[in-house]
Amino acid sequence: MNELLEAKLTISRIRTQLLDLAGELISDDTSDKEYAIKRILSVVEYMDEHDVAVKEITTELPKSRLI
């Protein structure tokens, strides 16, 4: 179970770093960055849409594996 929570935490950290990077690109004055910003935000959106709640994970695991 701890491994699942660690994985969710890692994904959350990656998501935060992607959003920080998008923010830095937005504040940058470079003109050819629009594609990069859209791509980063699409990755974050994908992560949000396909995230699995811990509750869903624990209900799927056999009870014997949780002990």
PDB file of N, CA and C in Angstrom:
ATOM      1  N   MET A   1       0.826  -1.189   0.000  1.00  0.00           N
ATOM      2  CA  MET A   1       0.000   0.000   0.000  1.00  0.00           C
ATOM      3  C   MET A   1       0.870   1.254   0.000  1.00  0.00           C
ATOM      4  N   ASN A   2       1.963   1.251   0.751  1.00  0.00           N
ATOM      5  CA  ASN A   2       2.849   2.408   0.778  1.00  0.00           C
ATOM      6  C   ASN A   2       3.413   2.709  -0.596  1.00  0.00           C
ATOM      7  N   GLU A   3       3.681   1.675  -1.385  1.00  0.00           N
ATOM      8  CA  GLU A   3       4.205   1.877  -2.736  1.00  0.00           C
ATOM      9  C   GLU A   3       3.190   2.616  -3.600  1.00  0.00           C
ATOM     10  N   LEU A   4       1.914   2.298  -3.438  1.00  0.00           N
ATOM     11  CA  LEU A   4       0.873   2.986  -4.199  1.00  0.00           C
ATOM     12  C   LEU A   4       0.791   4.449  -3.815  1.00  0.00           C
ATOM     13  N   LEU A   5       0.872   4.721  -2.542  1.00  0.00           N
ATOM     14  CA  LEU A   5       0.830   6.109  -2.093  1.00  0.00           C
ATOM     15  C   LEU A   5       2.071   6.870  -2.542  1.00  0.00           C
ATOM     16  N   GLU A   6       3.218   6.214  -2.538  1.00  0.00           N
ATOM     17  CA  GLU A   6       4.441   6.839  -3.026  1.00  0.00           C
ATOM     18  C   GLU A   6       4.324   7.167  -4.509  1.00  0.00           C
ATOM     19  N   ALA A   7       3.731   6.265  -5.264  1.00  0.00           N
ATOM     20  CA  ALA A   7       3.543   6.495  -6.703  1.00  0.00           C
ATOM     21  C   ALA A   7       2.624   7.693  -6.932  1.00  0.00           C
ATOM     22  N   LYS A   8       1.549   7.776  -6.177  1.00  0.00           N
ATOM     23  CA  LYS A   8       0.648   8.916  -6.310  1.00  0.00           C
ATOM     24  C   LYS A   8       1.349  10.213  -5.930  1.00  0.00           C
ATOM     25  N   LEU A   9       2.173  10.181  -4.907  1.00  0.00           N
ATOM     26  CA  LEU A   9       2.923  11.365  -4.493  1.00  0.00           C
ATOM     27  C   LEU A   9       3.916  11.783  -5.579  1.00  0.00           C
ATOM     28  N   THR A  10       4.582  10.819  -6.175  1.00  0.00           N
ATOM     29  CA  THR A  10       5.522  11.112  -7.251  1.00  0.00           C
ATOM     30  C   THR A  10       4.807  11.749  -8.436  1.00  0.00           C
ATOM     31  N   ILE A  11       3.678  11.203  -8.812  1.00  0.00           N
ATOM     32  CA  ILE A  11       2.899  11.767  -9.918  1.00  0.00           C
ATOM     33  C   ILE A  11       2.452  13.180  -9.584  1.00  0.00           C
ATOM     34  N   SER A  12       2.058  13.401  -8.358  1.00  0.00           N
ATOM     35  CA  SER A  12       1.652  14.736  -7.931  1.00  0.00           C
ATOM     36  C   SER A  12       2.809  15.726  -8.030  1.00  0.00           C
ATOM     37  N   ARG A  13       3.991  15.289  -7.647  1.00  0.00           N
ATOM     38  CA  ARG A  13       5.178  16.156  -7.742  1.00  0.00           C
ATOM     39  C   ARG A  13       5.512  16.469  -9.196  1.00  0.00           C
ATOM     40  N   ILE A  14       5.416  15.476 -10.065  1.00  0.00           N
ATOM     41  CA  ILE A  14       5.681  15.695 -11.495  1.00  0.00           C
ATOM     42  C   ILE A  14       4.674  16.687 -12.059  1.00  0.00           C
ATOM     43  N   ARG A  15       3.411  16.520 -11.687  1.00  0.00           N
ATOM     44  CA  ARG A  15       2.356  17.427 -12.148  1.00  0.00           C
ATOM     45  C   ARG A  15       2.657  18.859 -11.710  1.00  0.00           C
ATOM     46  N   THR A  16       3.070  19.031 -10.471  1.00  0.00           N
ATOM     47  CA  THR A  16       3.400  20.360  -9.953  1.00  0.00           C
ATOM     48  C   THR A  16       4.566  20.966 -10.717  1.00  0.00           C
ATOM     49  N   GLN A  17       5.583  20.164 -10.991  1.00  0.00           N
ATOM     50  CA  GLN A  17       6.736  20.667 -11.731  1.00  0.00           C
ATOM     51  C   GLN A  17       6.362  21.054 -13.156  1.00  0.00           C
ATOM     52  N   LEU A  18       5.466  20.283 -13.790  1.00  0.00           N
ATOM     53  CA  LEU A  18       5.005  20.633 -15.134  1.00  0.00           C
ATOM     54  C   LEU A  18       4.244  21.951 -15.121  1.00  0.00           C
ATOM     55  N   LEU A  19       3.402  22.145 -14.110  1.00  0.00           N
ATOM     56  CA  LEU A  19       2.663  23.404 -14.015  1.00  0.00           C
ATOM     57  C   LEU A  19       3.607  24.575 -13.752  1.00  0.00           C
ATOM     58  N   ASP A  20       4.628  24.362 -12.933  1.00  0.00           N
ATOM     59  CA  ASP A  20       5.632  25.409 -12.710  1.00  0.00           C
ATOM     60  C   ASP A  20       6.350  25.765 -14.006  1.00  0.00           C
ATOM     61  N   LEU A  21       6.714  24.740 -14.773  1.00  0.00           N
ATOM     62  CA  LEU A  21       7.387  24.968 -16.048  1.00  0.00           C
ATOM     63  C   LEU A  21       6.492  25.731 -17.013  1.00  0.00           C
ATOM     64  N   ALA A  22       5.223  25.365 -17.064  1.00  0.00           N
ATOM     65  CA  ALA A  22       4.285  26.085 -17.928  1.00  0.00           C
ATOM     66  C   ALA A  22       4.199  27.547 -17.503  1.00  0.00           C
ATOM     67  N   GLY A  23       4.168  27.801 -16.216  1.00  0.00           N
ATOM     68  CA  GLY A  23       4.126  29.172 -15.714  1.00  0.00           C
ATOM     69  C   GLY A  23       5.368  29.959 -16.104  1.00  0.00           C
ATOM     70  N   GLU A  24       6.521  29.311 -16.027  1.00  0.00           N
ATOM     71  CA  GLU A  24       7.762  29.974 -16.430  1.00  0.00           C
ATOM     72  C   GLU A  24       7.748  30.297 -17.921  1.00  0.00           C
ATOM     73  N   LEU A  25       7.228  29.367 -18.725  1.00  0.00           N
ATOM     74  CA  LEU A  25       7.158  29.612 -20.166  1.00  0.00           C
ATOM     75  C   LEU A  25       6.199  30.755 -20.490  1.00  0.00           C
ATOM     76  N   ILE A  26       5.105  30.823 -19.751  1.00  0.00           N
ATOM     77  CA  ILE A  26       4.129  31.888 -19.981  1.00  0.00           C
ATOM     78  C   ILE A  26       4.749  33.245 -19.690  1.00  0.00           C
ATOM     79  N   SER A  27       5.560  33.312 -18.642  1.00  0.00           N
ATOM     80  CA  SER A  27       6.158  34.595 -18.271  1.00  0.00           C
ATOM     81  C   SER A  27       7.374  34.946 -19.133  1.00  0.00           C
ATOM     82  N   ASP A  28       7.883  33.982 -19.890  1.00  0.00           N
ATOM     83  CA  ASP A  28       9.030  34.222 -20.778  1.00  0.00           C
ATOM     84  C   ASP A  28       8.560  34.998 -22.011  1.00  0.00           C
ATOM     85  N   ASP A  29       9.426  35.806 -22.585  1.00  0.00           N
ATOM     86  CA  ASP A  29       9.057  36.626 -23.732  1.00  0.00           C
ATOM     87  C   ASP A  29       9.325  35.959 -25.082  1.00  0.00           C
ATOM     88  N   THR A  30       9.748  34.724 -25.095  1.00  0.00           N
ATOM     89  CA  THR A  30      10.022  34.030 -26.342  1.00  0.00           C
ATOM     90  C   THR A  30       8.732  33.808 -27.117  1.00  0.00           C
ATOM     91  N   SER A  31       8.779  34.006 -28.411  1.00  0.00           N
ATOM     92  CA  SER A  31       7.559  33.937 -29.210  1.00  0.00           C
ATOM     93  C   SER A  31       7.199  32.527 -29.677  1.00  0.00           C
ATOM     94  N   ASP A  32       8.134  31.594 -29.681  1.00  0.00           N
ATOM     95  CA  ASP A  32       7.861  30.259 -30.207  1.00  0.00           C
ATOM     96  C   ASP A  32       7.565  29.230 -29.108  1.00  0.00           C
ATOM     97  N   LYS A  33       7.015  29.653 -28.034  1.00  0.00           N
ATOM     98  CA  LYS A  33       6.785  28.766 -26.881  1.00  0.00           C
ATOM     99  C   LYS A  33       5.346  28.262 -26.774  1.00  0.00           C
ATOM    100  N   GLU A  34       4.438  28.755 -27.591  1.00  0.00           N
ATOM    101  CA  GLU A  34       3.020  28.403 -27.462  1.00  0.00           C
ATOM    102  C   GLU A  34       2.790  26.894 -27.544  1.00  0.00           C
ATOM    103  N   TYR A  35       3.441  26.216 -28.480  1.00  0.00           N
ATOM    104  CA  TYR A  35       3.285  24.770 -28.611  1.00  0.00           C
ATOM    105  C   TYR A  35       3.748  24.056 -27.346  1.00  0.00           C
ATOM    106  N   ALA A  36       4.869  24.469 -26.785  1.00  0.00           N
ATOM    107  CA  ALA A  36       5.402  23.835 -25.572  1.00  0.00           C
ATOM    108  C   ALA A  36       4.427  23.994 -24.409  1.00  0.00           C
ATOM    109  N   ILE A  37       3.867  25.178 -24.256  1.00  0.00           N
ATOM    110  CA  ILE A  37       2.902  25.423 -23.172  1.00  0.00           C
ATOM    111  C   ILE A  37       1.685  24.528 -23.353  1.00  0.00           C
ATOM    112  N   LYS A  38       1.148  24.472 -24.562  1.00  0.00           N
ATOM    113  CA  LYS A  38      -0.032  23.634 -24.819  1.00  0.00           C
ATOM    114  C   LYS A  38       0.273  22.164 -24.554  1.00  0.00           C
ATOM    115  N   ARG A  39       1.455  21.719 -24.940  1.00  0.00           N
ATOM    116  CA  ARG A  39       1.820  20.315 -24.747  1.00  0.00           C
ATOM    117  C   ARG A  39       1.960  19.977 -23.265  1.00  0.00           C
ATOM    118  N   ILE A  40       2.601  20.846 -22.509  1.00  0.00           N
ATOM    119  CA  ILE A  40       2.752  20.621 -21.069  1.00  0.00           C
ATOM    120  C   ILE A  40       1.389  20.576 -20.395  1.00  0.00           C
ATOM    121  N   LEU A  41       0.522  21.519 -20.730  1.00  0.00           N
ATOM    122  CA  LEU A  41      -0.801  21.550 -20.112  1.00  0.00           C
ATOM    123  C   LEU A  41      -1.636  20.342 -20.520  1.00  0.00           C
ATOM    124  N   SER A  42      -1.433  19.827 -21.731  1.00  0.00           N
ATOM    125  CA  SER A  42      -2.178  18.628 -22.138  1.00  0.00           C
ATOM    126  C   SER A  42      -1.713  17.410 -21.349  1.00  0.00           C
ATOM    127  N   VAL A  43      -0.415  17.350 -21.002  1.00  0.00           N
ATOM    128  CA  VAL A  43       0.097  16.247 -20.176  1.00  0.00           C
ATOM    129  C   VAL A  43      -0.519  16.323 -18.779  1.00  0.00           C
ATOM    130  N   VAL A  44      -0.578  17.517 -18.206  1.00  0.00           N
ATOM    131  CA  VAL A  44      -1.178  17.693 -16.881  1.00  0.00           C
ATOM    132  C   VAL A  44      -2.658  17.313 -16.923  1.00  0.00           C
ATOM    133  N   GLU A  45      -3.354  17.742 -17.964  1.00  0.00           N
ATOM    134  CA  GLU A  45      -4.773  17.407 -18.105  1.00  0.00           C
ATOM    135  C   GLU A  45      -4.964  15.893 -18.196  1.00  0.00           C
ATOM    136  N   TYR A  46      -4.119  15.222 -18.960  1.00  0.00           N
ATOM    137  CA  TYR A  46      -4.182  13.770 -19.081  1.00  0.00           C
ATOM    138  C   TYR A  46      -3.997  13.106 -17.721  1.00  0.00           C
ATOM    139  N   MET A  47      -3.026  13.601 -16.953  1.00  0.00           N
ATOM    140  CA  MET A  47      -2.772  13.043 -15.621  1.00  0.00           C
ATOM    141  C   MET A  47      -3.991  13.222 -14.726  1.00  0.00           C
ATOM    142  N   ASP A  48      -4.626  14.391 -14.807  1.00  0.00           N
ATOM    143  CA  ASP A  48      -5.815  14.648 -13.993  1.00  0.00           C
ATOM    144  C   ASP A  48      -6.974  13.733 -14.382  1.00  0.00           C
ATOM    145  N   GLU A  49      -7.168  13.537 -15.671  1.00  0.00           N
ATOM    146  CA  GLU A  49      -8.289  12.725 -16.154  1.00  0.00           C
ATOM    147  C   GLU A  49      -8.128  11.245 -15.824  1.00  0.00           C
ATOM    148  N   HIS A  50      -6.899  10.761 -15.816  1.00  0.00           N
ATOM    149  CA  HIS A  50      -6.670   9.327 -15.646  1.00  0.00           C
ATOM    150  C   HIS A  50      -6.138   8.948 -14.267  1.00  0.00           C
ATOM    151  N   ASP A  51      -6.158   9.875 -13.362  1.00  0.00           N
ATOM    152  CA  ASP A  51      -5.691   9.590 -12.006  1.00  0.00           C
ATOM    153  C   ASP A  51      -6.657   8.622 -11.326  1.00  0.00           C
ATOM    154  N   VAL A  52      -6.122   7.764 -10.522  1.00  0.00           N
ATOM    155  CA  VAL A  52      -6.919   6.780  -9.802  1.00  0.00           C
ATOM    156  C   VAL A  52      -6.883   7.129  -8.325  1.00  0.00           C
ATOM    157  N   ALA A  53      -8.041   7.184  -7.712  1.00  0.00           N
ATOM    158  CA  ALA A  53      -8.119   7.497  -6.289  1.00  0.00           C
ATOM    159  C   ALA A  53      -7.581   6.323  -5.469  1.00  0.00           C
ATOM    160  N   VAL A  54      -6.957   6.626  -4.361  1.00  0.00           N
ATOM    161  CA  VAL A  54      -6.430   5.576  -3.484  1.00  0.00           C
ATOM    162  C   VAL A  54      -7.564   4.652  -3.043  1.00  0.00           C
ATOM    163  N   LYS A  55      -8.722   5.216  -2.791  1.00  0.00           N
ATOM    164  CA  LYS A  55      -9.878   4.412  -2.376  1.00  0.00           C
ATOM    165  C   LYS A  55     -10.203   3.355  -3.429  1.00  0.00           C
ATOM    166  N   GLU A  56     -10.149   3.728  -4.704  1.00  0.00           N
ATOM    167  CA  GLU A  56     -10.420   2.773  -5.777  1.00  0.00           C
ATOM    168  C   GLU A  56      -9.361   1.676  -5.813  1.00  0.00           C
ATOM    169  N   ILE A  57      -8.129   2.022  -5.557  1.00  0.00           N
ATOM    170  CA  ILE A  57      -7.040   1.039  -5.569  1.00  0.00           C
ATOM    171  C   ILE A  57      -7.240   0.031  -4.448  1.00  0.00           C
ATOM    172  N   THR A  58      -7.547   0.512  -3.259  1.00  0.00           N
ATOM    173  CA  THR A  58      -7.673  -0.396  -2.113  1.00  0.00           C
ATOM    174  C   THR A  58      -8.874  -1.325  -2.244  1.00  0.00           C
ATOM    175  N   THR A  59      -9.934  -0.876  -2.889  1.00  0.00           N
ATOM    176  CA  THR A  59     -11.093  -1.763  -3.055  1.00  0.00           C
ATOM    177  C   THR A  59     -10.825  -2.843  -4.093  1.00  0.00           C
ATOM    178  N   GLU A  60      -9.893  -2.592  -4.994  1.00  0.00           N
ATOM    179  CA  GLU A  60      -9.566  -3.576  -6.013  1.00  0.00           C
ATOM    180  C   GLU A  60      -8.578  -4.629  -5.517  1.00  0.00           C
ATOM    181  N   LEU A  61      -7.763  -4.287  -4.552  1.00  0.00           N
ATOM    182  CA  LEU A  61      -6.783  -5.242  -4.032  1.00  0.00           C
ATOM    183  C   LEU A  61      -7.474  -6.278  -3.155  1.00  0.00           C
ATOM    184  N   PRO A  62      -7.022  -7.488  -3.235  1.00  0.00           N
ATOM    185  CA  PRO A  62      -7.571  -8.500  -2.319  1.00  0.00           C
ATOM    186  C   PRO A  62      -7.249  -8.117  -0.878  1.00  0.00           C
ATOM    187  N   LYS A  63      -8.158  -8.391   0.009  1.00  0.00           N
ATOM    188  CA  LYS A  63      -7.989  -8.048   1.418  1.00  0.00           C
ATOM    189  C   LYS A  63      -6.698  -8.625   2.012  1.00  0.00           C
ATOM    190  N   SER A  64      -6.301  -9.798   1.565  1.00  0.00           N
ATOM    191  CA  SER A  64      -5.111 -10.434   2.122  1.00  0.00           C
ATOM    192  C   SER A  64      -3.840  -9.656   1.780  1.00  0.00           C
ATOM    193  N   ARG A  65      -3.838  -8.893   0.707  1.00  0.00           N
ATOM    194  CA  ARG A  65      -2.653  -8.143   0.327  1.00  0.00           C
ATOM    195  C   ARG A  65      -2.509  -6.864   1.168  1.00  0.00           C
ATOM    196  N   LEU A  66      -3.580  -6.421   1.791  1.00  0.00           N
ATOM    197  CA  LEU A  66      -3.546  -5.196   2.584  1.00  0.00           C
ATOM    198  C   LEU A  66      -2.989  -5.406   3.981  1.00  0.00           C
ATOM    199  N   ILE A  67      -2.916  -6.634   4.421  1.00  0.00           N
ATOM    200  CA  ILE A  67      -2.451  -6.938   5.780  1.00  0.00           C
ATOM    201  C   ILE A  67      -0.954  -6.957   5.833  1.00  0.00           C
TER     202      ILE A  67
END
